[in-house]
Every structure is written in structure tokens, then in C-alpha cells.
Amino acid sequence: MSVHQIRKHAVLPPIICRSDKEFLESVQRYIITETERLGCSEEGPADEYYIIYRNVFDKVIEHITAYKSILTSIKKEYDA
């Protein structure tokens, strides 16, 4: 995984907690692996990107339990 690929998908400020950092790195690896596996280009296809990022959002919801209810509500509205 190149530094460019990690930075491309990095949208959060630096995380101090080691477990959070490891979690975010694993999420970034998942995004890169899945987009490469599916052959996604930056232009699309939107459906494949949606599935990848929906799965990532589910992982984030499970990891960040303090905001689980609000994140779950956001996901339900977005999915609708």
C-alpha cells in the first residue's frame, strides 16, 4: 500500500489512540483492496463504491460505540 493511496482515502485528523489508528489503517486497506479487486476507477461505477463505503461505514459504527445510535440513524436515512 503506497503512501499516496493511504492519503487519498484519509479524511480524519491524526488519531492518538493506537487501537483507533490500527482500525483506521485496516479500513483504509479494505477500501484500497476492494476498489482494486472490483476494478473501480475514480469515475465510478457508483454502485460498487456505494457497497464498499457502506461496508466501511458499518465497521465505523461498530468501532465507535459512543456515536453508534446517531451513526446508525444517518446510515438508515442514507440507505433509504
PDB file of N, CA and C in Angstrom:
ATOM      1  N   MET A   1       0.857  -1.162   0.000  1.00  0.00           N
ATOM      2  CA  MET A   1       0.000   0.000   0.000  1.00  0.00           C
ATOM      3  C   MET A   1       0.907   1.229   0.000  1.00  0.00           C
ATOM      4  N   SER A   2       0.686   2.091  -0.971  1.00  0.00           N
ATOM      5  CA  SER A   2       1.534   3.270  -1.072  1.00  0.00           C
ATOM      6  C   SER A   2       1.023   4.394  -0.170  1.00  0.00           C
ATOM      7  N   VAL A   3       1.914   5.307   0.143  1.00  0.00           N
ATOM      8  CA  VAL A   3       1.537   6.465   0.962  1.00  0.00           C
ATOM      9  C   VAL A   3       0.475   7.284   0.244  1.00  0.00           C
ATOM     10  N   HIS A   4       0.587   7.401  -1.080  1.00  0.00           N
ATOM     11  CA  HIS A   4      -0.406   8.144  -1.865  1.00  0.00           C
ATOM     12  C   HIS A   4      -1.788   7.519  -1.709  1.00  0.00           C
ATOM     13  N   GLN A   5      -1.873   6.193  -1.745  1.00  0.00           N
ATOM     14  CA  GLN A   5      -3.157   5.524  -1.603  1.00  0.00           C
ATOM     15  C   GLN A   5      -3.757   5.769  -0.226  1.00  0.00           C
ATOM     16  N   ILE A   6      -2.936   5.733   0.800  1.00  0.00           N
ATOM     17  CA  ILE A   6      -3.432   5.978   2.157  1.00  0.00           C
ATOM     18  C   ILE A   6      -3.928   7.412   2.281  1.00  0.00           C
ATOM     19  N   ARG A   7      -3.143   8.365   1.814  1.00  0.00           N
ATOM     20  CA  ARG A   7      -3.540   9.774   1.924  1.00  0.00           C
ATOM     21  C   ARG A   7      -4.793  10.064   1.114  1.00  0.00           C
ATOM     22  N   LYS A   8      -4.960   9.395  -0.016  1.00  0.00           N
ATOM     23  CA  LYS A   8      -6.123   9.602  -0.873  1.00  0.00           C
ATOM     24  C   LYS A   8      -7.409   9.316  -0.110  1.00  0.00           C
ATOM     25  N   HIS A   9      -7.368   8.324   0.769  1.00  0.00           N
ATOM     26  CA  HIS A   9      -8.563   7.909   1.487  1.00  0.00           C
ATOM     27  C   HIS A   9      -8.618   8.453   2.915  1.00  0.00           C
ATOM     28  N   ALA A  10      -7.589   9.144   3.363  1.00  0.00           N
ATOM     29  CA  ALA A  10      -7.556   9.676   4.717  1.00  0.00           C
ATOM     30  C   ALA A  10      -8.402  10.933   4.799  1.00  0.00           C
ATOM     31  N   VAL A  11      -9.421  10.892   5.631  1.00  0.00           N
ATOM     32  CA  VAL A  11     -10.304  12.043   5.768  1.00  0.00           C
ATOM     33  C   VAL A  11     -10.410  12.512   7.215  1.00  0.00           C
ATOM     34  N   LEU A  12      -9.781  11.802   8.122  1.00  0.00           N
ATOM     35  CA  LEU A  12      -9.864  12.166   9.528  1.00  0.00           C
ATOM     36  C   LEU A  12      -8.541  12.759   9.997  1.00  0.00           C
ATOM     37  N   PRO A  13      -8.593  13.575  11.039  1.00  0.00           N
ATOM     38  CA  PRO A  13      -7.351  14.105  11.611  1.00  0.00           C
ATOM     39  C   PRO A  13      -6.561  12.960  12.243  1.00  0.00           C
ATOM     40  N   PRO A  14      -5.297  13.198  12.546  1.00  0.00           N
ATOM     41  CA  PRO A  14      -4.497  12.145  13.180  1.00  0.00           C
ATOM     42  C   PRO A  14      -5.164  11.629  14.456  1.00  0.00           C
ATOM     43  N   ILE A  15      -5.106  10.335  14.651  1.00  0.00           N
ATOM     44  CA  ILE A  15      -5.700   9.687  15.816  1.00  0.00           C
ATOM     45  C   ILE A  15      -4.574   9.308  16.769  1.00  0.00           C
ATOM     46  N   ILE A  16      -4.741   9.642  18.023  1.00  0.00           N
ATOM     47  CA  ILE A  16      -3.696   9.390  19.008  1.00  0.00           C
ATOM     48  C   ILE A  16      -3.752   7.950  19.521  1.00  0.00           C
ATOM     49  N   CYS A  17      -4.934   7.449  19.784  1.00  0.00           N
ATOM     50  CA  CYS A  17      -5.108   6.114  20.344  1.00  0.00           C
ATOM     51  C   CYS A  17      -4.615   5.055  19.350  1.00  0.00           C
ATOM     52  N   ARG A  18      -3.770   4.163  19.812  1.00  0.00           N
ATOM     53  CA  ARG A  18      -3.180   3.138  18.939  1.00  0.00           C
ATOM     54  C   ARG A  18      -4.253   2.246  18.316  1.00  0.00           C
ATOM     55  N   SER A  19      -5.234   1.834  19.094  1.00  0.00           N
ATOM     56  CA  SER A  19      -6.267   0.944  18.556  1.00  0.00           C
ATOM     57  C   SER A  19      -7.092   1.644  17.476  1.00  0.00           C
ATOM     58  N   ASP A  20      -7.366   2.947  17.664  1.00  0.00           N
ATOM     59  CA  ASP A  20      -8.094   3.696  16.644  1.00  0.00           C
ATOM     60  C   ASP A  20      -7.257   3.840  15.375  1.00  0.00           C
ATOM     61  N   LYS A  21      -5.970   4.082  15.556  1.00  0.00           N
ATOM     62  CA  LYS A  21      -5.080   4.209  14.408  1.00  0.00           C
ATOM     63  C   LYS A  21      -5.030   2.894  13.634  1.00  0.00           C
ATOM     64  N   GLU A  22      -4.899   1.790  14.339  1.00  0.00           N
ATOM     65  CA  GLU A  22      -4.877   0.480  13.686  1.00  0.00           C
ATOM     66  C   GLU A  22      -6.201   0.194  12.978  1.00  0.00           C
ATOM     67  N   PHE A  23      -7.299   0.574  13.612  1.00  0.00           N
ATOM     68  CA  PHE A  23      -8.608   0.383  12.994  1.00  0.00           C
ATOM     69  C   PHE A  23      -8.714   1.176  11.691  1.00  0.00           C
ATOM     70  N   LEU A  24      -8.331   2.447  11.732  1.00  0.00           N
ATOM     71  CA  LEU A  24      -8.418   3.280  10.532  1.00  0.00           C
ATOM     72  C   LEU A  24      -7.496   2.779   9.424  1.00  0.00           C
ATOM     73  N   GLU A  25      -6.326   2.301   9.792  1.00  0.00           N
ATOM     74  CA  GLU A  25      -5.431   1.731   8.789  1.00  0.00           C
ATOM     75  C   GLU A  25      -6.053   0.496   8.151  1.00  0.00           C
ATOM     76  N   SER A  26      -6.723  -0.327   8.951  1.00  0.00           N
ATOM     77  CA  SER A  26      -7.362  -1.525   8.394  1.00  0.00           C
ATOM     78  C   SER A  26      -8.519  -1.142   7.474  1.00  0.00           C
ATOM     79  N   VAL A  27      -9.243  -0.094   7.819  1.00  0.00           N
ATOM     80  CA  VAL A  27     -10.342   0.389   6.970  1.00  0.00           C
ATOM     81  C   VAL A  27      -9.776   0.921   5.653  1.00  0.00           C
ATOM     82  N   GLN A  28      -8.692   1.665   5.724  1.00  0.00           N
ATOM     83  CA  GLN A  28      -8.070   2.181   4.508  1.00  0.00           C
ATOM     84  C   GLN A  28      -7.576   1.046   3.615  1.00  0.00           C
ATOM     85  N   ARG A  29      -6.975   0.029   4.224  1.00  0.00           N
ATOM     86  CA  ARG A  29      -6.525  -1.137   3.441  1.00  0.00           C
ATOM     87  C   ARG A  29      -7.718  -1.828   2.784  1.00  0.00           C
ATOM     88  N   TYR A  30      -8.820  -1.948   3.508  1.00  0.00           N
ATOM     89  CA  TYR A  30     -10.026  -2.569   2.964  1.00  0.00           C
ATOM     90  C   TYR A  30     -10.527  -1.797   1.743  1.00  0.00           C
ATOM     91  N   ILE A  31     -10.591  -0.480   1.846  1.00  0.00           N
ATOM     92  CA  ILE A  31     -11.060   0.351   0.735  1.00  0.00           C
ATOM     93  C   ILE A  31     -10.159   0.156  -0.488  1.00  0.00           C
ATOM     94  N   ILE A  32      -8.870   0.220  -0.274  1.00  0.00           N
ATOM     95  CA  ILE A  32      -7.922   0.071  -1.382  1.00  0.00           C
ATOM     96  C   ILE A  32      -8.031  -1.319  -1.998  1.00  0.00           C
ATOM     97  N   THR A  33      -8.059  -2.336  -1.158  1.00  0.00           N
ATOM     98  CA  THR A  33      -8.144  -3.719  -1.649  1.00  0.00           C
ATOM     99  C   THR A  33      -9.419  -3.943  -2.443  1.00  0.00           C
ATOM    100  N   GLU A  34     -10.550  -3.488  -1.914  1.00  0.00           N
ATOM    101  CA  GLU A  34     -11.827  -3.720  -2.583  1.00  0.00           C
ATOM    102  C   GLU A  34     -11.962  -2.927  -3.879  1.00  0.00           C
ATOM    103  N   THR A  35     -11.490  -1.689  -3.893  1.00  0.00           N
ATOM    104  CA  THR A  35     -11.587  -0.915  -5.134  1.00  0.00           C
ATOM    105  C   THR A  35     -10.695  -1.518  -6.208  1.00  0.00           C
ATOM    106  N   GLU A  36      -9.528  -2.018  -5.813  1.00  0.00           N
ATOM    107  CA  GLU A  36      -8.657  -2.683  -6.782  1.00  0.00           C
ATOM    108  C   GLU A  36      -9.254  -4.007  -7.242  1.00  0.00           C
ATOM    109  N   ARG A  37      -9.806  -4.766  -6.319  1.00  0.00           N
ATOM    110  CA  ARG A  37     -10.393  -6.072  -6.647  1.00  0.00           C
ATOM    111  C   ARG A  37     -11.554  -5.924  -7.623  1.00  0.00           C
ATOM    112  N   LEU A  38     -12.358  -4.900  -7.417  1.00  0.00           N
ATOM    113  CA  LEU A  38     -13.516  -4.675  -8.278  1.00  0.00           C
ATOM    114  C   LEU A  38     -13.164  -3.873  -9.525  1.00  0.00           C
ATOM    115  N   GLY A  39     -11.936  -3.373  -9.581  1.00  0.00           N
ATOM    116  CA  GLY A  39     -11.516  -2.601 -10.743  1.00  0.00           C
ATOM    117  C   GLY A  39     -12.202  -1.250 -10.834  1.00  0.00           C
ATOM    118  N   CYS A  40     -12.501  -0.653  -9.697  1.00  0.00           N
ATOM    119  CA  CYS A  40     -13.176   0.639  -9.673  1.00  0.00           C
ATOM    120  C   CYS A  40     -12.212   1.735 -10.113  1.00  0.00           C
ATOM    121  N   SER A  41     -12.715   2.623 -10.944  1.00  0.00           N
ATOM    122  CA  SER A  41     -11.944   3.801 -11.315  1.00  0.00           C
ATOM    123  C   SER A  41     -12.485   4.974 -10.510  1.00  0.00           C
ATOM    124  N   GLU A  42     -11.787   6.091 -10.557  1.00  0.00           N
ATOM    125  CA  GLU A  42     -12.243   7.253  -9.786  1.00  0.00           C
ATOM    126  C   GLU A  42     -13.555   7.804 -10.306  1.00  0.00           C
ATOM    127  N   GLU A  43     -13.909   7.482 -11.541  1.00  0.00           N
ATOM    128  CA  GLU A  43     -15.148   7.986 -12.121  1.00  0.00           C
ATOM    129  C   GLU A  43     -16.349   7.103 -11.770  1.00  0.00           C
ATOM    130  N   GLY A  44     -16.125   5.925 -11.256  1.00  0.00           N
ATOM    131  CA  GLY A  44     -17.251   5.060 -10.930  1.00  0.00           C
ATOM    132  C   GLY A  44     -16.839   3.625 -11.056  1.00  0.00           C
ATOM    133  N   PRO A  45     -17.747   2.722 -11.066  1.00  0.00           N
ATOM    134  CA  PRO A  45     -19.203   2.835 -11.011  1.00  0.00           C
ATOM    135  C   PRO A  45     -19.700   3.114  -9.594  1.00  0.00           C
ATOM    136  N   ALA A  46     -20.707   3.918  -9.513  1.00  0.00           N
ATOM    137  CA  ALA A  46     -21.203   4.389  -8.224  1.00  0.00           C
ATOM    138  C   ALA A  46     -21.717   3.257  -7.347  1.00  0.00           C
ATOM    139  N   ASP A  47     -22.381   2.264  -7.928  1.00  0.00           N
ATOM    140  CA  ASP A  47     -22.937   1.171  -7.133  1.00  0.00           C
ATOM    141  C   ASP A  47     -21.850   0.407  -6.385  1.00  0.00           C
ATOM    142  N   GLU A  48     -20.735   0.152  -7.056  1.00  0.00           N
ATOM    143  CA  GLU A  48     -19.658  -0.587  -6.408  1.00  0.00           C
ATOM    144  C   GLU A  48     -19.017   0.239  -5.295  1.00  0.00           C
ATOM    145  N   TYR A  49     -18.818   1.524  -5.539  1.00  0.00           N
ATOM    146  CA  TYR A  49     -18.290   2.393  -4.484  1.00  0.00           C
ATOM    147  C   TYR A  49     -19.251   2.455  -3.300  1.00  0.00           C
ATOM    148  N   TYR A  50     -20.524   2.522  -3.592  1.00  0.00           N
ATOM    149  CA  TYR A  50     -21.530   2.572  -2.524  1.00  0.00           C
ATOM    150  C   TYR A  50     -21.412   1.354  -1.622  1.00  0.00           C
ATOM    151  N   ILE A  51     -21.286   0.179  -2.203  1.00  0.00           N
ATOM    152  CA  ILE A  51     -21.198  -1.050  -1.417  1.00  0.00           C
ATOM    153  C   ILE A  51     -19.941  -1.048  -0.547  1.00  0.00           C
ATOM    154  N   ILE A  52     -18.820  -0.657  -1.123  1.00  0.00           N
ATOM    155  CA  ILE A  52     -17.562  -0.616  -0.364  1.00  0.00           C
ATOM    156  C   ILE A  52     -17.686   0.337   0.820  1.00  0.00           C
ATOM    157  N   TYR A  53     -18.143   1.550   0.552  1.00  0.00           N
ATOM    158  CA  TYR A  53     -18.212   2.544   1.626  1.00  0.00           C
ATOM    159  C   TYR A  53     -19.338   2.268   2.609  1.00  0.00           C
ATOM    160  N   ARG A  54     -20.393   1.597   2.178  1.00  0.00           N
ATOM    161  CA  ARG A  54     -21.445   1.173   3.112  1.00  0.00           C
ATOM    162  C   ARG A  54     -20.854   0.182   4.102  1.00  0.00           C
ATOM    163  N   ASN A  55     -20.058  -0.755   3.612  1.00  0.00           N
ATOM    164  CA  ASN A  55     -19.415  -1.729   4.495  1.00  0.00           C
ATOM    165  C   ASN A  55     -18.445  -1.051   5.457  1.00  0.00           C
ATOM    166  N   VAL A  56     -17.713  -0.061   4.964  1.00  0.00           N
ATOM    167  CA  VAL A  56     -16.797   0.690   5.827  1.00  0.00           C
ATOM    168  C   VAL A  56     -17.574   1.438   6.900  1.00  0.00           C
ATOM    169  N   PHE A  57     -18.680   2.051   6.512  1.00  0.00           N
ATOM    170  CA  PHE A  57     -19.479   2.792   7.487  1.00  0.00           C
ATOM    171  C   PHE A  57     -20.008   1.854   8.563  1.00  0.00           C
ATOM    172  N   ASP A  58     -20.397   0.637   8.181  1.00  0.00           N
ATOM    173  CA  ASP A  58     -20.827  -0.352   9.175  1.00  0.00           C
ATOM    174  C   ASP A  58     -19.702  -0.668  10.158  1.00  0.00           C
ATOM    175  N   LYS A  59     -18.483  -0.799   9.648  1.00  0.00           N
ATOM    176  CA  LYS A  59     -17.332  -1.062  10.516  1.00  0.00           C
ATOM    177  C   LYS A  59     -17.096   0.107  11.466  1.00  0.00           C
ATOM    178  N   VAL A  60     -17.228   1.333  10.963  1.00  0.00           N
ATOM    179  CA  VAL A  60     -17.042   2.518  11.804  1.00  0.00           C
ATOM    180  C   VAL A  60     -18.112   2.567  12.893  1.00  0.00           C
ATOM    181  N   ILE A  61     -19.344   2.279  12.530  1.00  0.00           N
ATOM    182  CA  ILE A  61     -20.440   2.275  13.502  1.00  0.00           C
ATOM    183  C   ILE A  61     -20.142   1.285  14.627  1.00  0.00           C
ATOM    184  N   GLU A  62     -19.663   0.110  14.272  1.00  0.00           N
ATOM    185  CA  GLU A  62     -19.353  -0.899  15.286  1.00  0.00           C
ATOM    186  C   GLU A  62     -18.148  -0.510  16.146  1.00  0.00           C
ATOM    187  N   HIS A  63     -17.202   0.201  15.565  1.00  0.00           N
ATOM    188  CA  HIS A  63     -15.981   0.576  16.296  1.00  0.00           C
ATOM    189  C   HIS A  63     -16.204   1.763  17.225  1.00  0.00           C
ATOM    190  N   ILE A  64     -16.948   2.738  16.774  1.00  0.00           N
ATOM    191  CA  ILE A  64     -17.143   3.966  17.557  1.00  0.00           C
ATOM    192  C   ILE A  64     -18.483   3.875  18.271  1.00  0.00           C
ATOM    193  N   THR A  65     -18.503   3.164  19.359  1.00  0.00           N
ATOM    194  CA  THR A  65     -19.757   2.863  20.045  1.00  0.00           C
ATOM    195  C   THR A  65     -20.412   4.092  20.672  1.00  0.00           C
ATOM    196  N   ALA A  66     -19.629   5.111  21.004  1.00  0.00           N
ATOM    197  CA  ALA A  66     -20.200   6.300  21.635  1.00  0.00           C
ATOM    198  C   ALA A  66     -21.192   7.010  20.715  1.00  0.00           C
ATOM    199  N   TYR A  67     -20.995   6.888  19.406  1.00  0.00           N
ATOM    200  CA  TYR A  67     -21.858   7.559  18.437  1.00  0.00           C
ATOM    201  C   TYR A  67     -22.696   6.574  17.628  1.00  0.00           C
ATOM    202  N   LYS A  68     -22.801   5.354  18.124  1.00  0.00           N
ATOM    203  CA  LYS A  68     -23.472   4.299  17.369  1.00  0.00           C
ATOM    204  C   LYS A  68     -24.904   4.665  16.989  1.00  0.00           C
ATOM    205  N   SER A  69     -25.676   5.211  17.905  1.00  0.00           N
ATOM    206  CA  SER A  69     -27.084   5.497  17.607  1.00  0.00           C
ATOM    207  C   SER A  69     -27.230   6.578  16.532  1.00  0.00           C
ATOM    208  N   ILE A  70     -26.445   7.648  16.627  1.00  0.00           N
ATOM    209  CA  ILE A  70     -26.555   8.714  15.629  1.00  0.00           C
ATOM    210  C   ILE A  70     -26.017   8.255  14.276  1.00  0.00           C
ATOM    211  N   LEU A  71     -24.929   7.502  14.272  1.00  0.00           N
ATOM    212  CA  LEU A  71     -24.384   6.996  13.015  1.00  0.00           C
ATOM    213  C   LEU A  71     -25.331   5.988  12.361  1.00  0.00           C
ATOM    214  N   THR A  72     -25.987   5.169  13.173  1.00  0.00           N
ATOM    215  CA  THR A  72     -26.965   4.223  12.642  1.00  0.00           C
ATOM    216  C   THR A  72     -28.145   4.965  12.029  1.00  0.00           C
ATOM    217  N   SER A  73     -28.586   6.034  12.667  1.00  0.00           N
ATOM    218  CA  SER A  73     -29.684   6.844  12.117  1.00  0.00           C
ATOM    219  C   SER A  73     -29.284   7.480  10.789  1.00  0.00           C
ATOM    220  N   ILE A  74     -28.079   7.997  10.715  1.00  0.00           N
ATOM    221  CA  ILE A  74     -27.582   8.597   9.470  1.00  0.00           C
ATOM    222  C   ILE A  74     -27.544   7.544   8.372  1.00  0.00           C
ATOM    223  N   LYS A  75     -27.049   6.367   8.692  1.00  0.00           N
ATOM    224  CA  LYS A  75     -26.960   5.293   7.698  1.00  0.00           C
ATOM    225  C   LYS A  75     -28.349   4.885   7.201  1.00  0.00           C
ATOM    226  N   LYS A  76     -29.304   4.763   8.105  1.00  0.00           N
ATOM    227  CA  LYS A  76     -30.663   4.401   7.698  1.00  0.00           C
ATOM    228  C   LYS A  76     -31.256   5.430   6.744  1.00  0.00           C
ATOM    229  N   GLU A  77     -31.056   6.701   7.027  1.00  0.00           N
ATOM    230  CA  GLU A  77     -31.564   7.750   6.152  1.00  0.00           C
ATOM    231  C   GLU A  77     -30.876   7.729   4.801  1.00  0.00           C
ATOM    232  N   TYR A  78     -29.567   7.518   4.810  1.00  0.00           N
ATOM    233  CA  TYR A  78     -28.813   7.480   3.561  1.00  0.00           C
ATOM    234  C   TYR A  78     -29.236   6.279   2.720  1.00  0.00           C
ATOM    235  N   ASP A  79     -29.393   5.128   3.357  1.00  0.00           N
ATOM    236  CA  ASP A  79     -29.797   3.913   2.640  1.00  0.00           C
ATOM    237  C   ASP A  79     -31.199   4.050   2.047  1.00  0.00           C
ATOM    238  N   ALA A  80     -32.054   4.797   2.749  1.00  0.00           N
ATOM    239  CA  ALA A  80     -33.432   4.997   2.252  1.00  0.00           C
ATOM    240  C   ALA A  80     -33.413   5.878   1.017  1.00  0.00           C
TER     241      ALA A  80
END
